[in-house]
C-alpha atoms as a PDB file:
ATOM      1  CA  UNK A   1     -13.371  -3.162 115.327  1.00  0.00           C
ATOM      2  CA  UNK A   2     -14.866  -4.819 112.576  1.00  0.00           C
ATOM      3  CA  UNK A   3     -16.504  -1.552 111.393  1.00  0.00           C
ATOM      4  CA  UNK A   4     -13.064  -0.218 111.774  1.00  0.00           C
ATOM      5  CA  UNK A   5     -11.178  -2.344 109.724  1.00  0.00           C
ATOM      6  CA  UNK A   6     -13.942  -2.368 106.777  1.00  0.00           C
ATOM      7  CA  UNK A   7     -13.686   1.508 106.851  1.00  0.00           C
ATOM      8  CA  UNK A   8      -9.711   0.985 106.390  1.00  0.00           C
ATOM      9  CA  UNK A   9      -9.892  -1.234 103.271  1.00  0.00           C
ATOM     10  CA  UNK A  10     -12.555   1.262 101.580  1.00  0.00           C
ATOM     11  CA  UNK A  11     -10.173   3.837 102.060  1.00  0.00           C
ATOM     12  CA  UNK A  12      -7.128   2.086 100.851  1.00  0.00           C
ATOM     13  CA  UNK A  13      -9.175   0.821  97.856  1.00  0.00           C
ATOM     14  CA  UNK A  14     -10.316   4.245  96.743  1.00  0.00           C
ATOM     15  CA  UNK A  15      -7.068   5.590  97.217  1.00  0.00           C
ATOM     16  CA  UNK A  16      -5.464   2.825  95.032  1.00  0.00           C
ATOM     17  CA  UNK A  17      -8.110   3.598  92.227  1.00  0.00           C
ATOM     18  CA  UNK A  18      -7.243   7.302  92.399  1.00  0.00           C
ATOM     19  CA  UNK A  19      -3.411   6.447  91.923  1.00  0.00           C
ATOM     20  CA  UNK A  20      -4.109   4.189  88.873  1.00  0.00           C
ATOM     21  CA  UNK A  21      -5.972   6.982  87.293  1.00  0.00           C
ATOM     22  CA  UNK A  22      -3.375   9.386  87.963  1.00  0.00           C
ATOM     23  CA  UNK A  23      -0.616   7.244  86.419  1.00  0.00           C
ATOM     24  CA  UNK A  24      -2.901   6.356  83.095  1.00  0.00           C
ATOM     25  CA  UNK A  25      -3.472  10.113  83.005  1.00  0.00           C
ATOM     26  CA  UNK A  26       0.301  11.158  83.292  1.00  0.00           C
ATOM     27  CA  UNK A  27       1.160   8.370  80.921  1.00  0.00           C
ATOM     28  CA  UNK A  28      -1.155   9.490  78.028  1.00  0.00           C
ATOM     29  CA  UNK A  29       0.066  13.177  78.567  1.00  0.00           C
ATOM     30  CA  UNK A  30       3.473  11.822  78.337  1.00  0.00           C
ATOM     31  CA  UNK A  31       2.875  10.242  74.904  1.00  0.00           C
ATOM     32  CA  UNK A  32       0.559  13.134  73.613  1.00  0.00           C
ATOM     33  CA  UNK A  33       3.044  14.136  70.552  1.00  0.00           C
ATOM     34  CA  UNK A  34       1.153  17.217  69.932  1.00  0.00           C
ATOM     35  CA  UNK A  35       2.612  20.411  71.236  1.00  0.00           C
ATOM     36  CA  UNK A  36       0.727  23.535  72.422  1.00  0.00           C
ATOM     37  CA  UNK A  37       1.525  24.929  69.048  1.00  0.00           C
ATOM     38  CA  UNK A  38      -0.564  22.013  67.437  1.00  0.00           C
ATOM     39  CA  UNK A  39       2.990  20.938  65.909  1.00  0.00           C
ATOM     40  CA  UNK A  40       4.586  17.708  66.577  1.00  0.00           C
ATOM     41  CA  UNK A  41       8.509  18.052  67.528  1.00  0.00           C
ATOM     42  CA  UNK A  42      11.212  15.627  67.148  1.00  0.00           C
ATOM     43  CA  UNK A  43      14.828  14.965  67.042  1.00  0.00           C
ATOM     44  CA  UNK A  44      16.462  13.641  63.973  1.00  0.00           C
ATOM     45  CA  UNK A  45      19.646  11.946  64.791  1.00  0.00           C
ATOM     46  CA  UNK A  46      22.333  13.012  62.055  1.00  0.00           C
ATOM     47  CA  UNK A  47      23.916   9.384  62.514  1.00  0.00           C
ATOM     48  CA  UNK A  48      21.762   6.648  62.069  1.00  0.00           C
ATOM     49  CA  UNK A  49      18.713   8.475  61.124  1.00  0.00           C
ATOM     50  CA  UNK A  50      16.743   7.670  64.080  1.00  0.00           C
ATOM     51  CA  UNK A  51      13.776  10.108  64.605  1.00  0.00           C
ATOM     52  CA  UNK A  52      12.479  10.533  68.288  1.00  0.00           C
ATOM     53  CA  UNK A  53       9.492  12.479  69.510  1.00  0.00           C
ATOM     54  CA  UNK A  54      10.839  15.083  72.085  1.00  0.00           C
ATOM     55  CA  UNK A  55       7.996  16.942  73.186  1.00  0.00           C
ATOM     56  CA  UNK A  56       8.882  19.538  75.553  1.00  0.00           C
ATOM     57  CA  UNK A  57      12.473  18.818  75.626  1.00  0.00           C
ATOM     58  CA  UNK A  58      15.575  20.090  73.809  1.00  0.00           C
ATOM     59  CA  UNK A  59      17.443  17.791  70.966  1.00  0.00           C
ATOM     60  CA  UNK A  60      20.782  16.598  72.349  1.00  0.00           C
ATOM     61  CA  UNK A  61      24.294  17.008  70.580  1.00  0.00           C
ATOM     62  CA  UNK A  62      24.387  15.111  67.275  1.00  0.00           C
ATOM     63  CA  UNK A  63      20.581  15.719  66.687  1.00  0.00           C
ATOM     64  CA  UNK A  64      18.859  18.085  64.771  1.00  0.00           C
ATOM     65  CA  UNK A  65      15.342  19.384  65.979  1.00  0.00           C
ATOM     66  CA  UNK A  66      12.485  18.998  63.215  1.00  0.00           C
ATOM     67  CA  UNK A  67       8.783  19.478  63.371  1.00  0.00           C
ATOM     68  CA  UNK A  68       5.679  19.155  61.406  1.00  0.00           C
ATOM     69  CA  UNK A  69       2.032  20.002  61.723  1.00  0.00           C
ATOM     70  CA  UNK A  70      -0.683  17.302  62.611  1.00  0.00           C
ATOM     71  CA  UNK A  71      -2.463  18.767  59.546  1.00  0.00           C
ATOM     72  CA  UNK A  72      -0.878  19.990  56.555  1.00  0.00           C
ATOM     73  CA  UNK A  73      -1.462  23.216  54.945  1.00  0.00           C
ATOM     74  CA  UNK A  74      -4.311  23.687  52.589  1.00  0.00           C
ATOM     75  CA  UNK A  75      -3.166  23.152  48.745  1.00  0.00           C
ATOM     76  CA  UNK A  76      -4.250  25.603  46.048  1.00  0.00           C
ATOM     77  CA  UNK A  77      -7.722  25.439  44.629  1.00  0.00           C
ATOM     78  CA  UNK A  78      -7.724  23.097  41.313  1.00  0.00           C
ATOM     79  CA  UNK A  79      -8.916  24.144  38.226  1.00  0.00           C
ATOM     80  CA  UNK A  80     -12.585  23.830  37.247  1.00  0.00           C
ATOM     81  CA  UNK A  81     -13.410  20.678  35.847  1.00  0.00           C
ATOM     82  CA  UNK A  82     -15.414  20.577  32.619  1.00  0.00           C
ATOM     83  CA  UNK A  83     -19.327  20.318  32.973  1.00  0.00           C
ATOM     84  CA  UNK A  84     -20.861  16.993  33.630  1.00  0.00           C
ATOM     85  CA  UNK A  85     -22.802  15.230  30.527  1.00  0.00           C
ATOM     86  CA  UNK A  86     -26.631  15.558  30.783  1.00  0.00           C
ATOM     87  CA  UNK A  87     -28.630  12.571  30.454  1.00  0.00           C
ATOM     88  CA  UNK A  88     -30.765  14.430  28.256  1.00  0.00           C
ATOM     89  CA  UNK A  89     -27.978  15.554  25.720  1.00  0.00           C
ATOM     90  CA  UNK A  90     -28.223  12.683  22.578  1.00  0.00           C
ATOM     91  CA  UNK A  91     -25.554  10.080  22.212  1.00  0.00           C
ATOM     92  CA  UNK A  92     -22.325  11.103  20.316  1.00  0.00           C
ATOM     93  CA  UNK A  93     -21.350   9.132  17.493  1.00  0.00           C
ATOM     94  CA  UNK A  94     -19.832   5.714  18.186  1.00  0.00           C
ATOM     95  CA  UNK A  95     -21.248   5.932  22.013  1.00  0.00           C
ATOM     96  CA  UNK A  96     -23.455   2.770  23.050  1.00  0.00           C
ATOM     97  CA  UNK A  97     -26.051   2.269  25.580  1.00  0.00           C
ATOM     98  CA  UNK A  98     -27.540  -1.060  26.788  1.00  0.00           C
ATOM     99  CA  UNK A  99     -30.317  -2.592  28.811  1.00  0.00           C
ATOM    100  CA  UNK A 100     -32.669  -5.677  29.259  1.00  0.00           C
ATOM    101  CA  UNK A 101     -36.270  -5.934  28.241  1.00  0.00           C
ATOM    102  CA  UNK A 102     -39.001  -8.345  29.022  1.00  0.00           C
ATOM    103  CA  UNK A 103     -42.759  -9.332  29.475  1.00  0.00           C
ATOM    104  CA  UNK A 104     -44.810 -11.809  31.027  1.00  0.00           C
ATOM    105  CA  UNK A 105     -48.370 -12.183  30.128  1.00  0.00           C
ATOM    106  CA  UNK A 106     -51.343 -14.725  29.233  1.00  0.00           C
ATOM    107  CA  UNK A 107     -52.639 -15.496  25.757  1.00  0.00           C
ATOM    108  CA  UNK A 108     -56.131 -16.078  25.435  1.00  0.00           C
ATOM    109  CA  UNK A 109     -55.600 -17.691  22.026  1.00  0.00           C
ATOM    110  CA  UNK A 110     -52.625 -18.854  19.586  1.00  0.00           C
ATOM    111  CA  UNK A 111     -50.971 -15.819  17.485  1.00  0.00           C
ATOM    112  CA  UNK A 112     -51.918 -13.340  20.206  1.00  0.00           C
ATOM    113  CA  UNK A 113     -49.779 -10.073  19.925  1.00  0.00           C
ATOM    114  CA  UNK A 114     -47.945  -8.713  22.697  1.00  0.00           C
ATOM    115  CA  UNK A 115     -45.695  -5.397  22.624  1.00  0.00           C
ATOM    116  CA  UNK A 116     -43.352  -4.249  25.530  1.00  0.00           C
ATOM    117  CA  UNK A 117     -41.586  -0.743  25.481  1.00  0.00           C
ATOM    118  CA  UNK A 118     -38.599   0.577  26.642  1.00  0.00           C
ATOM    119  CA  UNK A 119     -36.958   3.938  27.366  1.00  0.00           C
ATOM    120  CA  UNK A 120     -33.430   4.463  26.278  1.00  0.00           C
ATOM    121  CA  UNK A 121     -31.257   5.894  29.153  1.00  0.00           C
ATOM    122  CA  UNK A 122     -30.123   8.545  26.733  1.00  0.00           C
ATOM    123  CA  UNK A 123     -31.816   9.944  23.746  1.00  0.00           C
ATOM    124  CA  UNK A 124     -30.413   8.585  20.347  1.00  0.00           C
ATOM    125  CA  UNK A 125     -29.089  11.289  17.908  1.00  0.00           C
ATOM    126  CA  UNK A 126     -31.646  11.091  15.738  1.00  0.00           C
ATOM    127  CA  UNK A 127     -35.290   9.338  15.533  1.00  0.00           C
ATOM    128  CA  UNK A 128     -35.235   5.600  15.453  1.00  0.00           C
ATOM    129  CA  UNK A 129     -37.317   3.839  12.910  1.00  0.00           C
ATOM    130  CA  UNK A 130     -38.400   0.059  12.774  1.00  0.00           C
ATOM    131  CA  UNK A 131     -35.621  -0.563  10.548  1.00  0.00           C
ATOM    132  CA  UNK A 132     -33.101   0.276  13.047  1.00  0.00           C
ATOM    133  CA  UNK A 133     -34.390  -1.789  15.894  1.00  0.00           C
ATOM    134  CA  UNK A 134     -33.742  -5.601  14.891  1.00  0.00           C
ATOM    135  CA  UNK A 135     -34.207  -8.590  16.617  1.00  0.00           C
ATOM    136  CA  UNK A 136     -31.741 -11.059  16.271  1.00  0.00           C
ATOM    137  CA  UNK A 137     -32.903 -14.237  14.354  1.00  0.00           C
ATOM    138  CA  UNK A 138     -34.019 -15.360  11.125  1.00  0.00           C
ATOM    139  CA  UNK A 139     -37.334 -13.662  11.085  1.00  0.00           C
ATOM    140  CA  UNK A 140     -36.265 -10.039  11.777  1.00  0.00           C
ATOM    141  CA  UNK A 141     -32.623 -10.246  10.884  1.00  0.00           C
ATOM    142  CA  UNK A 142     -32.270 -12.616   8.116  1.00  0.00           C
ATOM    143  CA  UNK A 143     -28.765 -10.947   6.859  1.00  0.00           C
ATOM    144  CA  UNK A 144     -27.300 -11.051  10.415  1.00  0.00           C
ATOM    145  CA  UNK A 145     -26.688  -7.323  10.981  1.00  0.00           C
ATOM    146  CA  UNK A 146     -26.718  -8.038  14.624  1.00  0.00           C
ATOM    147  CA  UNK A 147     -23.900 -10.373  14.986  1.00  0.00           C
ATOM    148  CA  UNK A 148     -23.438 -10.681  18.962  1.00  0.00           C
ATOM    149  CA  UNK A 149     -25.309 -12.835  21.325  1.00  0.00           C
ATOM    150  CA  UNK A 150     -27.557 -12.471  24.488  1.00  0.00           C
ATOM    151  CA  UNK A 151     -24.206 -13.100  26.492  1.00  0.00           C
ATOM    152  CA  UNK A 152     -22.300 -10.638  24.275  1.00  0.00           C
ATOM    153  CA  UNK A 153     -24.770  -7.964  22.870  1.00  0.00           C
ATOM    154  CA  UNK A 154     -23.312  -6.175  19.983  1.00  0.00           C
ATOM    155  CA  UNK A 155     -24.784  -3.598  17.694  1.00  0.00           C
ATOM    156  CA  UNK A 156     -23.239  -1.830  14.543  1.00  0.00           C
ATOM    157  CA  UNK A 157     -23.226   1.842  14.363  1.00  0.00           C
ATOM    158  CA  UNK A 158     -26.919   3.323  13.752  1.00  0.00           C
ATOM    159  CA  UNK A 159     -28.692  -0.101  14.805  1.00  0.00           C
ATOM    160  CA  UNK A 160     -30.349  -1.063  18.124  1.00  0.00           C
ATOM    161  CA  UNK A 161     -29.988  -4.848  18.354  1.00  0.00           C
ATOM    162  CA  UNK A 162     -32.088  -6.896  20.783  1.00  0.00           C
ATOM    163  CA  UNK A 163     -30.892 -10.421  21.822  1.00  0.00           C
ATOM    164  CA  UNK A 164     -33.252 -12.981  23.267  1.00  0.00           C
ATOM    165  CA  UNK A 165     -32.650 -15.381  25.920  1.00  0.00           C
ATOM    166  CA  UNK A 166     -33.369 -19.046  24.986  1.00  0.00           C
ATOM    167  CA  UNK A 167     -34.000 -20.126  28.410  1.00  0.00           C
ATOM    168  CA  UNK A 168     -36.330 -17.385  29.333  1.00  0.00           C
ATOM    169  CA  UNK A 169     -38.511 -17.115  26.203  1.00  0.00           C
ATOM    170  CA  UNK A 170     -41.575 -19.131  26.523  1.00  0.00           C
ATOM    171  CA  UNK A 171     -44.292 -19.808  23.921  1.00  0.00           C
ATOM    172  CA  UNK A 172     -43.586 -16.903  21.423  1.00  0.00           C
ATOM    173  CA  UNK A 173     -40.621 -18.154  19.573  1.00  0.00           C
ATOM    174  CA  UNK A 174     -42.245 -17.836  16.087  1.00  0.00           C
ATOM    175  CA  UNK A 175     -42.074 -14.310  15.382  1.00  0.00           C
ATOM    176  CA  UNK A 176     -40.246 -11.203  17.000  1.00  0.00           C
ATOM    177  CA  UNK A 177     -39.985  -7.837  16.045  1.00  0.00           C
ATOM    178  CA  UNK A 178     -38.159  -4.587  16.967  1.00  0.00           C
ATOM    179  CA  UNK A 179     -40.401  -1.864  16.390  1.00  0.00           C
ATOM    180  CA  UNK A 180     -40.167   2.192  16.899  1.00  0.00           C
ATOM    181  CA  UNK A 181     -42.444   4.079  14.741  1.00  0.00           C
ATOM    182  CA  UNK A 182     -45.578   2.415  16.692  1.00  0.00           C
ATOM    183  CA  UNK A 183     -44.367   4.336  20.097  1.00  0.00           C
ATOM    184  CA  UNK A 184     -45.719   7.920  19.122  1.00  0.00           C
ATOM    185  CA  UNK A 185     -47.086   7.339  15.550  1.00  0.00           C
ATOM    186  CA  UNK A 186     -44.019   8.255  14.302  1.00  0.00           C
ATOM    187  CA  UNK A 187     -40.028   7.536  15.032  1.00  0.00           C
ATOM    188  CA  UNK A 188     -38.879   8.261  18.359  1.00  0.00           C
ATOM    189  CA  UNK A 189     -35.294   9.006  19.824  1.00  0.00           C
ATOM    190  CA  UNK A 190     -36.377   8.148  23.393  1.00  0.00           C
ATOM    191  CA  UNK A 191     -37.171   4.629  23.122  1.00  0.00           C
ATOM    192  CA  UNK A 192     -38.194   1.452  20.850  1.00  0.00           C
ATOM    193  CA  UNK A 193     -40.475  -1.401  21.230  1.00  0.00           C
ATOM    194  CA  UNK A 194     -40.663  -5.294  21.188  1.00  0.00           C
ATOM    195  CA  UNK A 195     -43.525  -7.220  19.515  1.00  0.00           C
ATOM    196  CA  UNK A 196     -43.870 -10.914  20.109  1.00  0.00           C
ATOM    197  CA  UNK A 197     -46.779 -13.332  19.521  1.00  0.00           C
ATOM    198  CA  UNK A 198     -47.916 -16.343  21.164  1.00  0.00           C
ATOM    199  CA  UNK A 199     -47.718 -19.496  19.988  1.00  0.00           C
ATOM    200  CA  UNK A 200     -50.397 -21.190  21.743  1.00  0.00           C
ATOM    201  CA  UNK A 201     -53.116 -19.914  24.393  1.00  0.00           C
ATOM    202  CA  UNK A 202     -51.555 -19.863  27.866  1.00  0.00           C
ATOM    203  CA  UNK A 203     -48.594 -18.063  29.535  1.00  0.00           C
ATOM    204  CA  UNK A 204     -46.190 -16.370  27.345  1.00  0.00           C
ATOM    205  CA  UNK A 205     -42.992 -14.419  28.201  1.00  0.00           C
ATOM    206  CA  UNK A 206     -40.145 -12.933  26.746  1.00  0.00           C
ATOM    207  CA  UNK A 207     -36.527 -11.804  28.057  1.00  0.00           C
ATOM    208  CA  UNK A 208     -33.859  -9.935  25.924  1.00  0.00           C
ATOM    209  CA  UNK A 209     -30.872  -7.721  26.241  1.00  0.00           C
ATOM    210  CA  UNK A 210     -30.209  -4.958  23.868  1.00  0.00           C
ATOM    211  CA  UNK A 211     -27.781  -2.520  22.629  1.00  0.00           C
ATOM    212  CA  UNK A 212     -27.585   0.563  20.696  1.00  0.00           C
ATOM    213  CA  UNK A 213     -24.611   2.260  19.011  1.00  0.00           C
ATOM    214  CA  UNK A 214     -24.992   5.910  17.764  1.00  0.00           C
ATOM    215  CA  UNK A 215     -24.213   6.481  14.125  1.00  0.00           C
END
């Protein structure tokens, strides 16, 4: 007797699951707005402007049938754009590039010279000279050609200005100099250098921001 009851319950339970799955599938199909032709069909009410999807049904009186595609037609191909700028092409007049430069080292004695080199992301239009690479400050820039700051670096056309960070400079403050000619026994369009000297033996470091404006 108990076996028959359990069999009955199992059978009814499976039947209930099948009914629920069938209802869910029917509901999904009924609300799928895409027709067999791939379009969405609807009826537009002439009064009131209501729009109601009517898949597989005709519109009633006072309604106008409308349809649209799930995906619109492909538009015309646009015009060919201009060629992209190559990073190997020199800067144009008035264009500017900027970056950071830094070095940390150890000085065995006072007045030890250090040099750090930096590459421009885009070549300068002409070779840079040491006179055009200037460190802001009284030693290398007594006439204040570089009028910016570390927070707001600026450079007039034709100059590369280097602005040191006072909080990041240690044991080197008495002489800093921008260099270019030492890079390749001549002038260079691809980079520049920064030379600094230690005030005493021990750790020494420099950190600066730079900006170059093409003439």
